[in-house]
């Protein structure tokens, strides 16, 4: 039996332990779905293209690489928001697209005849994805396929960013050479790492109150053990960025909590404010970091994107894995400094009375164990989620930098395929409206996320940004354009095949629903009624 272009793409992905193809099939890429099973790759057809993008992002964060395919034009452009988020947050996703054939392109050029889903331009998808991927390339001939595919997958693995592969739709069934050799996964060292490590460790030891902030690249590059060893050998206080939460076990000496400005826990905010030297290790800087980064140049060392910037010095090349290794070696040359015990999460209050924002997160925190992986959505509650107690590593996923509402519910689909832990989604009602149909995917494929929706009837985050005085005045009316449609969430979930769906409005009922959902081992929806004027405890 001939080995085809389709086989080549799937074989290379299977070599990298990718076992799931997400997407919405179309004629442009149908052969990928036809042949995936022959390569040990299951197919997951999502309820929308956007859901497919979020789902593959969640899967890639768990497994180290993911793949998605949707329809040319109508699918890829719908999905581009999710891939932009993957780009910003270092999620290695491979987008495989069937592109127009040579006759299609010739007819467009010579006669202005549009091929299916064409905008009238020959490279709409390719051009668009160049803006949100680390590599975007098209193969128009079989001879170009191996190089295009190998280069893209290698870049995704090495740079932890999405890539885009477009293959002429007429090529899928043509004979193609088999893959030659294995792909190189490692980034080469820059040669600067040892000297930089000596300089950085020297500065940290000379500082009076140093602090390390662990960022998402530590998780993406598998450097958690080394980062933990560095912290222990130096004896320094440490924090994490929001999207790096639970990259390390959040306990032990020096732990100050998640730094998530502008509404960080006081222990983390004070530690950052009072530090005379901060090592930002693999951090991506969202807008909340603006004041710190722009005003703190002379007390910050940044390591990210293959660069090191020491205070106001110029950026220097350095491979993060090699650098962290050298940092640990250098830190071991002297005994650690004593640091105070880590912060301990407060004991939750009893489950009494009507539900509030505070109680939702307290009750969730009370039941968290290492069987769960928490996925909060972009909402007012994300600041509370930052302070949830995590007992193990890798128990938290969020879109905390790109901050697109709706991420959590759809990402939970991918996380459920990529992790042995059970997704626990905490979403605002506005975010849930964006990707709620992902419940159908969960039911169809027998996945078991538990989705908690905080129902206050408005886009509360938007209202808070525009006019936070609304929340301190029970008689105030929200902006008319932040008011949501009133859904019957229980009937909606039942209609999509999710049989466990409850609406609760007291803390005791919420506890009961959580316990029952966990015992059910099926997809579940719990809707918690909330006061539209209520705020999480972390917000003023």
Protein backbone atom coordinates (compact mmCIF):
# COMPACT_ATOMS: atom_id res chain seq x y z
CA UNK A 1 0.00 0.00 0.00
CA UNK A 2 1.41 3.40 -0.99
CA UNK A 3 2.72 5.77 1.66
CA UNK A 4 1.08 9.12 0.99
CA UNK A 5 1.40 12.78 1.91
CA UNK A 6 -1.35 12.22 4.47
CA UNK A 7 0.65 9.37 5.97
CA UNK A 8 3.75 11.54 6.17
CA UNK A 9 2.02 14.24 8.19
CA UNK A 10 0.37 11.76 10.55
CA UNK A 11 3.50 9.65 10.96
CA UNK A 12 5.58 12.66 12.00
CA UNK A 13 2.94 13.69 14.53
CA UNK A 14 2.63 10.17 15.92
CA UNK A 15 6.42 10.06 16.39
CA UNK A 16 6.01 13.02 18.76
CA UNK A 17 3.38 11.10 20.80
CA UNK A 18 0.43 13.05 19.44
CA UNK A 19 -2.56 10.70 19.78
CA UNK A 20 -5.52 13.01 19.10
CA UNK A 21 -6.54 15.09 16.08
CA UNK A 22 -9.02 17.86 16.89
CA UNK A 23 -11.07 19.67 14.31
CA UNK A 24 -14.09 20.04 12.10
CA UNK A 25 -13.53 17.97 8.91
CA UNK A 26 -13.94 19.46 5.45
CA UNK A 27 -13.13 18.38 1.91
CA UNK A 28 -9.82 20.24 2.08
CA UNK A 29 -8.44 18.03 4.86
CA UNK A 30 -10.80 15.03 5.10
CA UNK A 31 -8.04 12.50 4.39
CA UNK A 32 -6.37 13.39 7.69
CA UNK A 33 -9.50 12.24 9.51
CA UNK A 34 -9.83 9.18 7.25
CA UNK A 35 -6.31 7.94 7.91
CA UNK A 36 -5.64 9.11 11.48
CA UNK A 37 -6.66 5.80 13.04
CA UNK A 38 -4.09 3.90 11.01
CA UNK A 39 -1.42 5.93 12.79
CA UNK A 40 -2.81 5.46 16.28
CA UNK A 41 -4.39 8.92 16.33
CA UNK A 42 -8.04 9.28 17.37
CA UNK A 43 -10.20 12.01 15.90
CA UNK A 44 -12.25 14.40 18.01
CA UNK A 45 -14.80 16.41 16.03
CA UNK A 46 -15.72 19.50 17.99
CA UNK A 47 -18.90 21.54 17.92
CA UNK A 48 -17.19 24.58 16.38
CA UNK A 49 -13.90 25.65 14.86
CA UNK A 50 -13.14 27.97 17.77
CA UNK A 51 -13.70 25.11 20.19
CA UNK A 52 -11.26 23.00 18.17
CA UNK A 53 -8.60 25.69 18.57
CA UNK A 54 -9.06 26.02 22.32
CA UNK A 55 -9.25 22.24 22.73
CA UNK A 56 -5.98 21.59 20.91
CA UNK A 57 -4.34 24.37 22.93
CA UNK A 58 -5.41 22.66 26.17
CA UNK A 59 -4.19 19.29 24.88
CA UNK A 60 -0.84 20.71 23.78
CA UNK A 61 -0.23 22.22 27.23
CA UNK A 62 -0.64 18.74 28.68
CA UNK A 63 1.20 16.65 26.08
CA UNK A 64 3.79 19.01 24.63
CA UNK A 65 2.34 19.05 21.10
CA UNK A 66 -1.13 19.01 19.55
CA UNK A 67 -2.68 19.00 16.08
CA UNK A 68 -5.86 20.52 14.65
CA UNK A 69 -7.46 20.67 11.20
CA UNK A 70 -10.54 22.58 10.08
CA UNK A 71 -11.95 23.89 6.79
CA UNK A 72 -9.93 26.32 4.69
CA UNK A 73 -11.00 29.93 5.18
CA UNK A 74 -14.27 29.55 7.07
CA UNK A 75 -12.75 27.26 9.67
CA UNK A 76 -9.22 28.56 9.98
CA UNK A 77 -10.25 32.20 10.23
CA UNK A 78 -12.86 31.29 12.84
CA UNK A 79 -10.16 29.48 14.83
CA UNK A 80 -7.47 32.14 14.57
CA UNK A 81 -8.35 33.74 17.92
CA UNK A 82 -7.53 30.51 19.73
CA UNK A 83 -4.24 30.08 17.87
CA UNK A 84 -3.26 33.67 18.66
CA UNK A 85 -3.72 32.81 22.34
CA UNK A 86 -1.57 29.71 21.92
CA UNK A 87 1.13 31.89 20.35
CA UNK A 88 1.14 34.40 23.19
CA UNK A 89 1.06 31.74 25.89
CA UNK A 90 3.65 29.34 24.42
CA UNK A 91 1.41 26.42 23.46
CA UNK A 92 2.89 24.20 20.70
CA UNK A 93 -0.01 23.55 18.32
CA UNK A 94 0.30 22.29 14.74
CA UNK A 95 -2.43 23.65 12.44
CA UNK A 96 -2.69 21.46 9.34
CA UNK A 97 -4.73 22.97 6.52
CA UNK A 98 -5.70 21.68 3.12
CA UNK A 99 -5.08 24.51 0.71
CA UNK A 100 -6.20 25.41 -2.80
CA UNK A 101 -4.89 23.35 -5.71
CA UNK A 102 -2.78 24.76 -8.53
CA UNK A 103 -5.82 24.81 -10.91
CA UNK A 104 -7.75 26.68 -8.20
CA UNK A 105 -5.02 29.29 -7.96
CA UNK A 106 -4.67 29.57 -11.74
CA UNK A 107 -8.42 30.06 -12.21
CA UNK A 108 -8.39 32.72 -9.52
CA UNK A 109 -5.47 34.52 -11.13
CA UNK A 110 -6.61 34.29 -14.74
CA UNK A 111 -10.42 34.36 -14.53
CA UNK A 112 -11.27 35.68 -11.03
CA UNK A 113 -13.11 32.42 -10.27
CA UNK A 114 -13.23 31.91 -6.50
CA UNK A 115 -12.36 28.47 -5.13
CA UNK A 116 -14.35 27.21 -2.14
CA UNK A 117 -14.10 29.54 0.88
CA UNK A 118 -11.81 31.91 -0.99
CA UNK A 119 -11.69 35.64 -0.29
CA UNK A 120 -10.37 36.26 -3.79
CA UNK A 121 -6.76 36.30 -2.63
CA UNK A 122 -4.44 33.34 -3.20
CA UNK A 123 -2.96 33.10 0.28
CA UNK A 124 -5.48 34.46 2.80
CA UNK A 125 -5.02 31.70 5.39
CA UNK A 126 -1.27 31.54 4.95
CA UNK A 127 -0.89 35.29 5.35
CA UNK A 128 -3.20 35.45 8.35
CA UNK A 129 -1.45 32.62 10.19
CA UNK A 130 1.96 34.14 9.66
CA UNK A 131 0.83 36.75 12.19
CA UNK A 132 -0.03 34.24 14.93
CA UNK A 133 2.44 31.37 14.50
CA UNK A 134 6.17 30.86 14.75
CA UNK A 135 6.20 29.35 11.25
CA UNK A 136 3.68 29.27 8.40
CA UNK A 137 4.45 27.56 5.09
CA UNK A 138 2.68 26.03 2.09
CA UNK A 139 3.60 22.89 0.17
CA UNK A 140 2.42 22.98 -3.43
CA UNK A 141 4.34 19.90 -4.61
CA UNK A 142 4.95 16.49 -3.03
CA UNK A 143 8.69 17.14 -3.06
CA UNK A 144 8.13 20.10 -0.73
CA UNK A 145 6.07 18.22 1.86
CA UNK A 146 8.82 16.57 3.98
CA UNK A 147 10.77 19.78 4.49
CA UNK A 148 7.69 21.90 5.20
CA UNK A 149 6.28 19.40 7.70
CA UNK A 150 9.57 18.61 9.44
CA UNK A 151 10.56 22.24 9.78
CA UNK A 152 7.18 23.27 11.19
CA UNK A 153 6.96 20.49 13.78
CA UNK A 154 10.56 21.07 14.86
CA UNK A 155 9.88 24.77 15.38
CA UNK A 156 6.71 24.02 17.38
CA UNK A 157 8.62 21.68 19.68
CA UNK A 158 11.63 23.93 20.12
CA UNK A 159 9.92 27.30 20.43
CA UNK A 160 6.73 26.14 22.16
CA UNK A 161 4.60 28.12 19.73
CA UNK A 162 1.94 27.18 17.17
CA UNK A 163 2.87 26.55 13.54
CA UNK A 164 0.84 26.39 10.34
CA UNK A 165 1.19 23.85 7.52
CA UNK A 166 -0.82 24.31 4.32
CA UNK A 167 -0.79 21.51 1.77
CA UNK A 168 -2.36 21.66 -1.69
CA UNK A 169 -5.58 19.63 -1.36
CA UNK A 170 -4.76 17.53 -4.43
CA UNK A 171 -1.56 16.20 -2.82
CA UNK A 172 -2.99 14.26 0.12
CA UNK A 173 -3.32 10.92 -1.68
CA UNK A 174 -0.10 11.09 -3.69
CA UNK A 175 2.88 8.88 -2.93
CA UNK A 176 5.42 10.46 -0.62
CA UNK A 177 8.78 9.28 0.75
CA UNK A 178 8.70 8.00 4.32
CA UNK A 179 10.18 10.18 7.07
CA UNK A 180 13.96 9.99 7.22
CA UNK A 181 15.43 9.97 10.73
CA UNK A 182 13.96 11.60 13.79
CA UNK A 183 13.32 15.27 14.42
CA UNK A 184 15.71 17.16 16.67
CA UNK A 185 13.86 18.39 19.76
CA UNK A 186 16.61 20.26 21.58
CA UNK A 187 17.46 23.91 21.17
CA UNK A 188 21.21 24.41 20.82
CA UNK A 189 22.97 26.24 23.61
CA UNK A 190 24.13 29.76 22.80
CA UNK A 191 27.46 29.34 24.61
CA UNK A 192 26.73 32.23 26.95
CA UNK A 193 24.88 30.27 29.61
CA UNK A 194 27.72 29.49 32.04
CA UNK A 195 28.94 33.08 32.29
CA UNK A 196 25.41 34.45 32.52
CA UNK A 197 24.60 31.97 35.29
CA UNK A 198 27.62 33.07 37.30
CA UNK A 199 26.59 36.72 36.93
CA UNK A 200 22.94 36.08 37.82
CA UNK A 201 23.67 33.91 40.86
CA UNK A 202 26.25 36.44 42.04
CA UNK A 203 23.66 39.22 41.86
CA UNK A 204 21.04 37.13 43.65
CA UNK A 205 23.43 36.27 46.47
CA UNK A 206 24.47 39.90 46.82
CA UNK A 207 20.88 41.12 47.01
CA UNK A 208 19.27 41.82 50.37
CA UNK A 209 15.77 40.65 49.40
CA UNK A 210 15.85 38.67 46.14
CA UNK A 211 12.81 36.98 44.61
CA UNK A 212 12.30 34.50 41.76
CA UNK A 213 9.07 34.62 39.71
CA UNK A 214 8.55 31.35 37.84
CA UNK A 215 6.96 31.77 34.40
CA UNK A 216 5.21 29.55 31.89
CA UNK A 217 8.36 28.66 29.91
CA UNK A 218 9.57 26.65 32.91
CA UNK A 219 6.56 24.37 32.52
CA UNK A 220 6.62 24.29 28.72
CA UNK A 221 10.30 23.27 28.56
CA UNK A 222 10.04 20.68 31.35
CA UNK A 223 12.30 22.60 33.71
CA UNK A 224 10.21 22.41 36.89
CA UNK A 225 12.58 20.08 38.75
CA UNK A 226 15.56 22.27 37.96
CA UNK A 227 13.71 25.45 38.90
CA UNK A 228 12.75 23.89 42.24
CA UNK A 229 16.37 22.87 42.80
CA UNK A 230 17.54 26.40 42.00
CA UNK A 231 15.16 27.93 44.53
CA UNK A 232 16.20 25.44 47.21
CA UNK A 233 19.93 25.85 46.61
CA UNK A 234 19.74 29.65 46.67
CA UNK A 235 17.32 29.88 49.58
CA UNK A 236 15.21 32.65 48.02
CA UNK A 237 11.57 33.62 48.19
CA UNK A 238 9.61 32.71 45.10
CA UNK A 239 6.34 33.28 43.30
CA UNK A 240 4.77 32.28 40.00
CA UNK A 241 2.94 34.13 37.27
CA UNK A 242 -0.75 33.25 36.90
CA UNK A 243 -0.36 31.05 33.82
CA UNK A 244 2.52 29.24 35.56
CA UNK A 245 0.47 28.49 38.69
CA UNK A 246 1.24 24.99 40.05
CA UNK A 247 4.28 24.57 37.78
CA UNK A 248 5.96 23.88 41.14
CA UNK A 249 4.36 22.60 44.33
CA UNK A 250 2.99 25.71 46.02
CA UNK A 251 4.32 25.21 49.52
CA UNK A 252 7.54 25.14 51.47
CA UNK A 253 10.01 27.77 52.52
CA UNK A 254 9.99 30.99 50.56
CA UNK A 255 6.64 30.53 48.77
CA UNK A 256 4.81 33.90 48.72
CA UNK A 257 1.87 33.12 46.43
CA UNK A 258 0.93 33.84 42.81
CA UNK A 259 1.89 37.26 41.48
CA UNK A 260 -1.08 38.37 39.38
CA UNK A 261 -1.17 42.18 39.30
CA UNK A 262 -3.04 44.41 39.72
CA UNK A 263 -4.93 42.23 42.22
CA UNK A 264 -2.32 39.89 43.69
CA UNK A 265 -2.56 38.40 47.16
CA UNK A 266 -0.92 40.77 49.66
CA UNK A 267 1.95 38.39 50.43
CA UNK A 268 2.93 38.17 46.76
CA UNK A 269 2.37 41.87 46.04
CA UNK A 270 4.47 42.88 49.05
CA UNK A 271 7.24 40.43 48.20
CA UNK A 272 7.53 41.89 44.70
CA UNK A 273 7.29 45.48 45.91
CA UNK A 274 10.02 44.96 48.53
CA UNK A 275 12.42 42.86 46.48
CA UNK A 276 15.65 44.56 45.52
CA UNK A 277 16.29 41.98 42.78
CA UNK A 278 13.72 39.93 40.85
CA UNK A 279 14.60 37.06 38.54
CA UNK A 280 11.74 36.64 36.04
CA UNK A 281 12.35 33.07 34.90
CA UNK A 282 10.48 32.27 31.69
CA UNK A 283 7.73 34.85 32.24
CA UNK A 284 5.39 36.38 29.67
CA UNK A 285 4.42 39.91 30.69
CA UNK A 286 0.68 40.74 30.43
CA UNK A 287 -0.56 44.29 30.86
CA UNK A 288 -0.80 43.98 34.63
CA UNK A 289 3.00 43.83 34.80
CA UNK A 290 3.46 47.18 33.08
CA UNK A 291 4.26 49.26 36.15
CA UNK A 292 6.67 46.70 37.58
CA UNK A 293 8.56 46.08 34.34
CA UNK A 294 8.77 49.67 33.12
CA UNK A 295 9.66 51.18 36.50
CA UNK A 296 11.78 48.34 37.85
CA UNK A 297 14.45 48.05 35.17
CA UNK A 298 17.35 48.24 37.63
CA UNK A 299 16.05 45.44 39.83
CA UNK A 300 14.83 42.91 37.24
CA UNK A 301 16.60 40.08 35.42
CA UNK A 302 14.41 38.64 32.65
CA UNK A 303 14.89 35.24 31.01
CA UNK A 304 12.46 34.46 28.18
CA UNK A 305 12.24 33.79 24.43
CA UNK A 306 15.86 32.69 24.25
CA UNK A 307 17.11 35.98 25.69
CA UNK A 308 18.48 37.28 28.98
CA UNK A 309 18.27 40.90 30.04
CA UNK A 310 20.12 41.84 33.22
CA UNK A 311 18.76 45.07 34.65
CA UNK A 312 19.26 47.86 32.09
CA UNK A 313 21.75 45.86 30.04
CA UNK A 314 21.28 44.73 26.46
CA UNK A 315 19.51 41.45 25.71
CA UNK A 316 21.84 38.48 25.30
CA UNK A 317 21.14 35.12 23.68
CA UNK A 318 20.73 32.15 26.02
CA UNK A 319 18.90 28.83 25.76
CA UNK A 320 16.66 28.57 28.80
CA UNK A 321 17.25 24.88 29.51
CA UNK A 322 21.02 25.22 29.40
CA UNK A 323 20.87 28.41 31.44
CA UNK A 324 18.72 26.93 34.21
CA UNK A 325 21.06 23.94 34.38
CA UNK A 326 24.04 26.26 34.81
CA UNK A 327 22.14 28.33 37.38
CA UNK A 328 21.58 25.23 39.50
CA UNK A 329 25.27 24.27 39.22
CA UNK A 330 26.38 27.76 40.20
CA UNK A 331 23.87 27.99 43.07
CA UNK A 332 25.20 24.73 44.54
CA UNK A 333 28.62 26.29 45.16
CA UNK A 334 27.45 27.93 48.41
CA UNK A 335 24.90 27.00 51.08
CA UNK A 336 21.37 28.42 50.79
CA UNK A 337 20.20 31.44 52.76
CA UNK A 338 17.44 30.95 55.36
CA UNK A 339 14.00 32.06 54.16
CA UNK A 340 10.68 32.28 55.99
CA UNK A 341 8.08 29.48 55.76
CA UNK A 342 5.77 29.60 52.76
CA UNK A 343 2.30 31.06 52.95
CA UNK A 344 -0.44 28.67 54.05
CA UNK A 345 -3.93 28.89 52.49
CA UNK A 346 -6.58 30.01 54.99
CA UNK A 347 -9.09 27.49 56.29
CA UNK A 348 -12.38 27.82 54.38
CA UNK A 349 -15.34 29.16 56.30
CA UNK A 350 -18.31 26.83 56.90
CA UNK A 351 -20.70 26.28 53.99
CA UNK A 352 -23.56 28.45 55.15
CA UNK A 353 -25.92 31.00 53.64
CA UNK A 354 -26.42 32.21 50.06
CA UNK A 355 -23.57 31.71 47.63
CA UNK A 356 -21.09 34.53 47.11
CA UNK A 357 -18.03 34.82 44.89
CA UNK A 358 -15.86 34.20 47.94
CA UNK A 359 -17.76 31.05 48.89
CA UNK A 360 -17.60 29.57 45.38
CA UNK A 361 -13.82 29.63 45.46
CA UNK A 362 -13.57 28.67 49.13
CA UNK A 363 -15.77 25.62 48.53
CA UNK A 364 -13.79 24.64 45.44
CA UNK A 365 -10.55 25.05 47.41
CA UNK A 366 -11.92 22.84 50.16
CA UNK A 367 -12.47 19.88 47.81
CA UNK A 368 -9.39 20.23 45.61
CA UNK A 369 -7.14 17.21 45.56
CA UNK A 370 -4.63 16.00 43.00
CA UNK A 371 -7.32 14.27 40.93
CA UNK A 372 -8.41 17.67 39.56
CA UNK A 373 -6.95 20.16 37.12
CA UNK A 374 -8.51 23.60 37.51
CA UNK A 375 -9.29 25.68 34.39
CA UNK A 376 -10.61 29.15 35.26
CA UNK A 377 -11.96 31.41 32.57
CA UNK A 378 -11.14 35.06 32.07
CA UNK A 379 -13.57 36.65 34.50
CA UNK A 380 -13.56 38.56 37.78
CA UNK A 381 -13.04 35.18 39.42
CA UNK A 382 -9.62 34.63 37.86
CA UNK A 383 -8.06 36.67 40.66
CA UNK A 384 -9.60 34.28 43.19
CA UNK A 385 -8.50 31.28 41.16
CA UNK A 386 -4.91 32.50 41.47
CA UNK A 387 -5.13 31.79 45.19
CA UNK A 388 -6.69 28.33 45.07
CA UNK A 389 -4.59 25.81 47.03
CA UNK A 390 -2.79 23.42 44.69
CA UNK A 391 -1.39 20.29 46.34
CA UNK A 392 0.61 19.00 43.37
CA UNK A 393 2.24 20.23 40.19
CA UNK A 394 0.42 20.84 36.92
CA UNK A 395 -3.05 21.24 38.40
CA UNK A 396 -3.91 24.54 36.72
CA UNK A 397 -4.45 25.81 33.18
CA UNK A 398 -5.69 29.23 32.08
CA UNK A 399 -5.56 31.79 29.30
CA UNK A 400 -4.34 34.46 31.67
CA UNK A 401 -2.32 36.53 29.19
CA UNK A 402 -4.37 36.45 25.98
CA UNK A 403 -7.47 36.62 28.21
CA UNK A 404 -10.11 35.56 25.70
CA UNK A 405 -13.36 34.72 27.43
CA UNK A 406 -14.70 31.25 26.64
CA UNK A 407 -11.28 29.58 26.67
CA UNK A 408 -11.88 27.39 29.71
CA UNK A 409 -14.89 25.31 28.65
CA UNK A 410 -13.45 24.41 25.24
CA UNK A 411 -9.89 23.92 26.53
CA UNK A 412 -11.27 21.42 29.04
CA UNK A 413 -12.13 19.15 26.10
CA UNK A 414 -8.48 19.00 25.07
CA UNK A 415 -7.20 18.78 28.63
CA UNK A 416 -9.48 15.80 29.24
CA UNK A 417 -7.74 13.93 26.41
CA UNK A 418 -4.23 15.05 27.34
CA UNK A 419 -4.24 14.62 31.13
CA UNK A 420 -5.24 11.87 33.54
CA UNK A 421 -6.61 14.55 35.88
CA UNK A 422 -10.24 15.60 35.70
CA UNK A 423 -10.89 19.15 34.45
CA UNK A 424 -12.70 21.47 36.86
CA UNK A 425 -13.80 24.55 34.93
CA UNK A 426 -14.79 27.79 36.67
CA UNK A 427 -16.36 30.17 34.17
CA UNK A 428 -18.35 33.35 34.23
CA UNK A 429 -21.67 33.18 32.44
CA UNK A 430 -20.42 35.50 29.69
CA UNK A 431 -17.45 33.26 28.94
CA UNK A 432 -19.66 30.18 29.04
CA UNK A 433 -21.95 31.69 26.39
CA UNK A 434 -18.99 31.81 24.00
CA UNK A 435 -18.18 28.09 23.89
CA UNK A 436 -21.01 26.38 25.76
CA UNK A 437 -21.58 23.93 22.91
CA UNK A 438 -18.36 22.21 23.98
CA UNK A 439 -20.60 20.37 26.46
CA UNK A 440 -21.87 18.39 23.47
CA UNK A 441 -18.32 17.29 22.63
CA UNK A 442 -17.79 16.17 26.22
CA UNK A 443 -20.97 14.11 26.15
CA UNK A 444 -20.29 12.64 22.72
CA UNK A 445 -16.83 11.39 23.61
CA UNK A 446 -17.55 10.38 27.19
CA UNK A 447 -15.30 13.01 28.77
CA UNK A 448 -15.92 14.02 32.38
CA UNK A 449 -15.13 17.70 33.04
CA UNK A 450 -17.10 19.45 35.76
CA UNK A 451 -18.10 22.93 34.59
CA UNK A 452 -19.03 25.54 37.20
CA UNK A 453 -20.76 28.63 35.83
CA UNK A 454 -20.98 31.75 37.99
CA UNK A 455 -24.27 33.23 36.84
CA UNK A 456 -24.63 36.95 37.58
CA UNK A 457 -26.30 37.94 34.31
CA UNK A 458 -23.67 40.40 33.08
CA UNK A 459 -20.22 40.64 31.57
CA UNK A 460 -18.96 41.56 35.03
CA UNK A 461 -15.29 41.93 34.10
CA UNK A 462 -16.23 44.47 31.43
CA UNK A 463 -18.49 46.33 33.85
CA UNK A 464 -15.66 46.41 36.42
CA UNK A 465 -13.22 47.89 33.91
CA UNK A 466 -15.70 50.50 32.68
CA UNK A 467 -17.32 51.50 35.97
CA UNK A 468 -16.41 49.60 39.12
CA UNK A 469 -18.53 51.98 41.25
CA UNK A 470 -21.50 49.92 40.06
CA UNK A 471 -20.46 47.08 42.39
CA UNK A 472 -20.59 49.26 45.53
CA UNK A 473 -24.08 50.58 44.79
CA UNK A 474 -26.78 47.90 45.00
CA UNK A 475 -29.24 50.20 43.21
CA UNK A 476 -26.99 50.95 40.24
CA UNK A 477 -27.79 49.64 36.78
CA UNK A 478 -25.09 47.98 34.66
CA UNK A 479 -24.10 49.25 31.26
CA UNK A 480 -26.89 48.05 28.96
CA UNK A 481 -24.48 46.34 26.60
CA UNK A 482 -22.97 44.14 29.31
CA UNK A 483 -26.30 42.50 30.18
CA UNK A 484 -26.49 38.86 29.06
CA UNK A 485 -29.34 36.84 27.63
CA UNK A 486 -31.12 34.82 30.29
CA UNK A 487 -30.43 31.11 29.69
CA UNK A 488 -31.99 28.04 31.21
CA UNK A 489 -28.61 26.41 31.72
CA UNK A 490 -29.93 23.09 33.02
CA UNK A 491 -32.21 22.51 30.02
CA UNK A 492 -29.45 23.68 27.70
CA UNK A 493 -26.96 21.14 29.12
CA UNK A 494 -29.54 18.36 29.02
CA UNK A 495 -30.25 19.19 25.39
CA UNK A 496 -26.57 18.72 24.55
CA UNK A 497 -26.43 15.33 26.25
CA UNK A 498 -25.11 16.34 29.68
CA UNK A 499 -27.48 14.71 32.14
CA UNK A 500 -25.87 16.01 35.33
CA UNK A 501 -26.87 19.68 35.42
CA UNK A 502 -27.84 21.55 38.57
CA UNK A 503 -28.50 25.13 39.58
CA UNK A 504 -27.62 26.06 43.17
CA UNK A 505 -27.81 29.23 45.21
CA UNK A 506 -26.52 28.23 48.66
CA UNK A 507 -23.10 27.16 49.85
CA UNK A 508 -24.45 23.89 51.24
CA UNK A 509 -26.20 23.03 47.95
CA UNK A 510 -23.01 23.83 46.07
CA UNK A 511 -21.02 21.45 48.28
CA UNK A 512 -23.58 18.75 47.66
CA UNK A 513 -23.54 19.30 43.89
CA UNK A 514 -19.73 19.20 43.77
CA UNK A 515 -19.66 15.91 45.68
CA UNK A 516 -22.31 14.38 43.45
CA UNK A 517 -20.58 15.57 40.27
CA UNK A 518 -17.29 14.06 41.37
CA UNK A 519 -18.97 10.75 42.15
CA UNK A 520 -20.75 10.66 38.78
CA UNK A 521 -17.62 10.45 36.61
CA UNK A 522 -19.63 12.01 33.77
CA UNK A 523 -19.65 15.52 32.33
CA UNK A 524 -21.39 17.84 34.75
CA UNK A 525 -22.66 21.42 34.85
CA UNK A 526 -23.17 23.30 38.11
CA UNK A 527 -24.68 26.79 37.81
CA UNK A 528 -24.11 28.99 40.83
CA UNK A 529 -26.36 32.02 41.20
CA UNK A 530 -24.45 35.16 42.14
CA UNK A 531 -25.36 38.74 43.01
CA UNK A 532 -24.73 40.95 39.97
CA UNK A 533 -23.19 43.52 42.34
CA UNK A 534 -20.95 40.98 44.06
CA UNK A 535 -17.17 40.95 43.75
CA UNK A 536 -14.49 38.40 44.57
CA UNK A 537 -12.63 39.01 47.82
CA UNK A 538 -9.47 39.92 45.88
CA UNK A 539 -11.03 42.97 44.23
CA UNK A 540 -11.52 46.32 45.99
